[in-house]
Amino acid sequence: MTLSNAELYRLKSDARRGLLENDLILQRFFARYGDQLSAEDGKVLGRLLALDDNDLMDLLIGRKAMVDALQEFSGSEVLKRLMLQLQEK
């Protein structure tokens, strides 16, 4: 089941960041995959977007593989897929 328009709007609002680089990566991600996101995707993505800008940037550019705030999702296939999608050029 895909996210409702309200849930997608909330995630897109949360994706507006202080770092331009994060904004650009997240905008590209939502343009490509926004209409395909499931409720589980939304839950994991919400946790990603709750990270501070520097931790999020480290994950998006591959400087770090994981941060403490996401340990509960460390083995999650959803997180792995989302990270691959976010890191696509």
N, C-alpha and C. Protein backbone atom coordinates (compact mmCIF):
# COMPACT_ATOMS: atom_id res chain seq x y z
N MET A 1 0.84 -1.17 0.00
CA MET A 1 0.00 0.00 0.00
C MET A 1 0.89 1.24 0.00
N THR A 2 0.60 2.17 -0.87
CA THR A 2 1.42 3.38 -0.96
C THR A 2 0.97 4.40 0.08
N LEU A 3 1.83 5.36 0.30
CA LEU A 3 1.53 6.42 1.27
C LEU A 3 0.39 7.30 0.76
N SER A 4 -0.37 7.84 1.68
CA SER A 4 -1.41 8.80 1.30
C SER A 4 -0.74 10.12 0.89
N ASN A 5 -1.50 10.97 0.25
CA ASN A 5 -0.96 12.27 -0.15
C ASN A 5 -0.51 13.07 1.07
N ALA A 6 -1.28 12.97 2.15
CA ALA A 6 -0.92 13.72 3.37
C ALA A 6 0.39 13.21 3.97
N GLU A 7 0.56 11.89 4.01
CA GLU A 7 1.79 11.31 4.55
C GLU A 7 2.99 11.68 3.68
N LEU A 8 2.80 11.63 2.36
CA LEU A 8 3.88 11.99 1.44
C LEU A 8 4.24 13.47 1.59
N TYR A 9 3.22 14.31 1.71
CA TYR A 9 3.46 15.74 1.90
C TYR A 9 4.26 16.00 3.18
N ARG A 10 3.91 15.28 4.26
CA ARG A 10 4.61 15.44 5.53
C ARG A 10 6.09 15.05 5.39
N LEU A 11 6.34 13.94 4.70
CA LEU A 11 7.74 13.52 4.49
C LEU A 11 8.49 14.54 3.65
N LYS A 12 7.84 15.03 2.59
CA LYS A 12 8.50 16.04 1.75
C LYS A 12 8.79 17.32 2.54
N SER A 13 7.89 17.68 3.43
CA SER A 13 8.12 18.86 4.28
C SER A 13 9.29 18.63 5.22
N ASP A 14 9.36 17.43 5.79
CA ASP A 14 10.48 17.09 6.68
C ASP A 14 11.80 17.02 5.92
N ALA A 15 11.72 16.83 4.61
CA ALA A 15 12.93 16.69 3.79
C ALA A 15 13.58 18.03 3.49
N ARG A 16 12.92 19.12 3.79
CA ARG A 16 13.53 20.44 3.58
C ARG A 16 14.56 20.65 4.67
N ARG A 17 15.81 20.69 4.27
CA ARG A 17 16.91 20.65 5.22
C ARG A 17 17.70 21.95 5.22
N GLY A 18 18.62 22.04 6.17
CA GLY A 18 19.51 23.19 6.27
C GLY A 18 20.68 23.12 5.30
N LEU A 19 21.02 21.92 4.85
CA LEU A 19 22.12 21.76 3.90
C LEU A 19 21.56 21.59 2.49
N LEU A 20 22.01 22.42 1.59
CA LEU A 20 21.53 22.36 0.21
C LEU A 20 21.77 20.99 -0.41
N GLU A 21 22.89 20.38 -0.11
CA GLU A 21 23.21 19.07 -0.68
C GLU A 21 22.16 18.04 -0.29
N ASN A 22 21.74 18.05 0.98
CA ASN A 22 20.67 17.14 1.41
C ASN A 22 19.38 17.43 0.65
N ASP A 23 19.05 18.71 0.52
CA ASP A 23 17.83 19.09 -0.20
C ASP A 23 17.84 18.53 -1.63
N LEU A 24 18.95 18.68 -2.31
CA LEU A 24 19.02 18.24 -3.70
C LEU A 24 18.87 16.72 -3.82
N ILE A 25 19.52 16.00 -2.94
CA ILE A 25 19.43 14.54 -2.97
C ILE A 25 18.01 14.09 -2.66
N LEU A 26 17.40 14.69 -1.65
CA LEU A 26 16.05 14.30 -1.26
C LEU A 26 15.02 14.69 -2.31
N GLN A 27 15.17 15.84 -2.94
CA GLN A 27 14.25 16.24 -4.01
C GLN A 27 14.32 15.25 -5.17
N ARG A 28 15.51 14.86 -5.53
CA ARG A 28 15.69 13.88 -6.62
C ARG A 28 15.03 12.55 -6.24
N PHE A 29 15.23 12.11 -5.01
CA PHE A 29 14.63 10.87 -4.53
C PHE A 29 13.11 10.92 -4.63
N PHE A 30 12.49 12.00 -4.13
CA PHE A 30 11.03 12.09 -4.16
C PHE A 30 10.50 12.20 -5.58
N ALA A 31 11.24 12.86 -6.46
CA ALA A 31 10.80 12.94 -7.86
C ALA A 31 10.78 11.55 -8.50
N ARG A 32 11.75 10.73 -8.16
CA ARG A 32 11.85 9.39 -8.74
C ARG A 32 10.93 8.38 -8.07
N TYR A 33 10.85 8.40 -6.75
CA TYR A 33 10.23 7.31 -6.00
C TYR A 33 9.05 7.72 -5.12
N GLY A 34 8.75 8.98 -5.02
CA GLY A 34 7.72 9.45 -4.10
C GLY A 34 6.38 8.76 -4.25
N ASP A 35 5.94 8.52 -5.47
CA ASP A 35 4.63 7.91 -5.68
C ASP A 35 4.63 6.40 -5.47
N GLN A 36 5.79 5.80 -5.20
CA GLN A 36 5.90 4.36 -5.00
C GLN A 36 6.15 3.97 -3.54
N LEU A 37 6.25 4.93 -2.65
CA LEU A 37 6.62 4.64 -1.26
C LEU A 37 5.49 3.96 -0.50
N SER A 38 5.85 2.91 0.23
CA SER A 38 4.88 2.18 1.05
C SER A 38 4.85 2.78 2.46
N ALA A 39 3.93 2.29 3.27
CA ALA A 39 3.84 2.74 4.66
C ALA A 39 5.13 2.40 5.41
N GLU A 40 5.69 1.22 5.17
CA GLU A 40 6.95 0.84 5.82
C GLU A 40 8.09 1.74 5.36
N ASP A 41 8.12 2.06 4.06
CA ASP A 41 9.12 3.00 3.54
C ASP A 41 8.99 4.33 4.27
N GLY A 42 7.76 4.79 4.44
CA GLY A 42 7.51 6.07 5.11
C GLY A 42 8.00 6.08 6.53
N LYS A 43 7.83 4.97 7.23
CA LYS A 43 8.29 4.87 8.62
C LYS A 43 9.81 4.99 8.70
N VAL A 44 10.50 4.24 7.85
CA VAL A 44 11.97 4.27 7.85
C VAL A 44 12.47 5.62 7.35
N LEU A 45 11.86 6.14 6.31
CA LEU A 45 12.27 7.43 5.78
C LEU A 45 12.05 8.54 6.80
N GLY A 46 10.97 8.44 7.56
CA GLY A 46 10.72 9.41 8.62
C GLY A 46 11.84 9.42 9.65
N ARG A 47 12.33 8.25 9.99
CA ARG A 47 13.46 8.15 10.94
C ARG A 47 14.73 8.75 10.33
N LEU A 48 14.95 8.49 9.05
CA LEU A 48 16.11 9.08 8.37
C LEU A 48 16.02 10.60 8.40
N LEU A 49 14.85 11.12 8.12
CA LEU A 49 14.67 12.57 8.05
C LEU A 49 14.72 13.23 9.42
N ALA A 50 14.60 12.44 10.50
CA ALA A 50 14.71 12.97 11.85
C ALA A 50 16.16 13.15 12.29
N LEU A 51 17.09 12.61 11.50
CA LEU A 51 18.52 12.76 11.82
C LEU A 51 18.94 14.21 11.65
N ASP A 52 20.01 14.60 12.34
CA ASP A 52 20.52 15.95 12.08
C ASP A 52 21.16 15.98 10.70
N ASP A 53 21.33 17.17 10.19
CA ASP A 53 21.78 17.33 8.80
C ASP A 53 23.12 16.65 8.52
N ASN A 54 24.06 16.76 9.44
CA ASN A 54 25.38 16.19 9.20
C ASN A 54 25.35 14.66 9.17
N ASP A 55 24.60 14.04 10.10
CA ASP A 55 24.47 12.58 10.07
C ASP A 55 23.78 12.12 8.79
N LEU A 56 22.73 12.83 8.40
CA LEU A 56 22.03 12.46 7.17
C LEU A 56 22.96 12.58 5.97
N MET A 57 23.72 13.65 5.91
CA MET A 57 24.66 13.83 4.79
C MET A 57 25.69 12.72 4.77
N ASP A 58 26.22 12.36 5.92
CA ASP A 58 27.20 11.27 5.99
C ASP A 58 26.63 9.98 5.42
N LEU A 59 25.38 9.69 5.71
CA LEU A 59 24.74 8.48 5.17
C LEU A 59 24.50 8.61 3.67
N LEU A 60 24.01 9.76 3.25
CA LEU A 60 23.65 9.94 1.83
C LEU A 60 24.86 9.87 0.90
N ILE A 61 26.00 10.37 1.37
CA ILE A 61 27.18 10.34 0.50
C ILE A 61 28.06 9.12 0.77
N GLY A 62 27.65 8.28 1.72
CA GLY A 62 28.38 7.05 1.98
C GLY A 62 29.57 7.19 2.88
N ARG A 63 29.70 8.31 3.54
CA ARG A 63 30.80 8.51 4.48
C ARG A 63 30.65 7.59 5.69
N LYS A 64 29.40 7.32 6.07
CA LYS A 64 29.09 6.38 7.15
C LYS A 64 28.09 5.37 6.61
N ALA A 65 28.18 4.14 7.12
CA ALA A 65 27.22 3.11 6.73
C ALA A 65 26.01 3.09 7.64
N MET A 66 26.18 3.56 8.90
CA MET A 66 25.09 3.53 9.87
C MET A 66 25.36 4.57 10.94
N VAL A 67 24.30 5.05 11.56
CA VAL A 67 24.41 5.93 12.71
C VAL A 67 23.61 5.31 13.85
N ASP A 68 23.96 5.67 15.07
CA ASP A 68 23.32 5.07 16.25
C ASP A 68 21.80 5.21 16.24
N ALA A 69 21.29 6.32 15.77
CA ALA A 69 19.85 6.57 15.79
C ALA A 69 19.05 5.60 14.92
N LEU A 70 19.72 4.90 14.03
CA LEU A 70 19.04 3.97 13.12
C LEU A 70 19.35 2.51 13.42
N GLN A 71 19.95 2.22 14.56
CA GLN A 71 20.36 0.85 14.87
C GLN A 71 19.21 -0.15 14.82
N GLU A 72 17.99 0.28 15.18
CA GLU A 72 16.86 -0.65 15.15
C GLU A 72 16.53 -1.10 13.73
N PHE A 73 16.97 -0.36 12.72
CA PHE A 73 16.72 -0.71 11.33
C PHE A 73 17.96 -1.27 10.64
N SER A 74 19.01 -1.55 11.38
CA SER A 74 20.30 -1.90 10.79
C SER A 74 20.24 -3.10 9.83
N GLY A 75 19.40 -4.07 10.08
CA GLY A 75 19.30 -5.21 9.18
C GLY A 75 18.11 -5.14 8.23
N SER A 76 17.45 -4.01 8.22
CA SER A 76 16.21 -3.85 7.46
C SER A 76 16.47 -3.78 5.95
N GLU A 77 15.75 -4.60 5.23
CA GLU A 77 15.83 -4.55 3.76
C GLU A 77 15.27 -3.23 3.24
N VAL A 78 14.28 -2.70 3.94
CA VAL A 78 13.69 -1.42 3.54
C VAL A 78 14.73 -0.32 3.62
N LEU A 79 15.48 -0.27 4.72
CA LEU A 79 16.52 0.75 4.86
C LEU A 79 17.59 0.58 3.79
N LYS A 80 18.00 -0.65 3.54
CA LYS A 80 19.03 -0.89 2.51
C LYS A 80 18.55 -0.39 1.15
N ARG A 81 17.30 -0.71 0.80
CA ARG A 81 16.76 -0.30 -0.51
C ARG A 81 16.65 1.22 -0.59
N LEU A 82 16.12 1.84 0.48
CA LEU A 82 16.00 3.29 0.47
C LEU A 82 17.35 3.97 0.35
N MET A 83 18.36 3.45 1.04
CA MET A 83 19.69 4.05 0.95
C MET A 83 20.25 3.92 -0.46
N LEU A 84 20.05 2.79 -1.10
CA LEU A 84 20.49 2.64 -2.48
C LEU A 84 19.78 3.63 -3.39
N GLN A 85 18.49 3.80 -3.19
CA GLN A 85 17.73 4.74 -4.01
C GLN A 85 18.19 6.18 -3.75
N LEU A 86 18.41 6.52 -2.50
CA LEU A 86 18.87 7.86 -2.16
C LEU A 86 20.25 8.17 -2.71
N GLN A 87 21.10 7.14 -2.81
CA GLN A 87 22.47 7.35 -3.25
C GLN A 87 22.64 7.25 -4.77
N GLU A 88 21.55 6.94 -5.49
CA GLU A 88 21.64 6.88 -6.96
C GLU A 88 22.01 8.24 -7.50
N LYS A 89 22.79 8.23 -8.54
CA LYS A 89 23.16 9.48 -9.21
C LYS A 89 22.10 9.89 -10.19
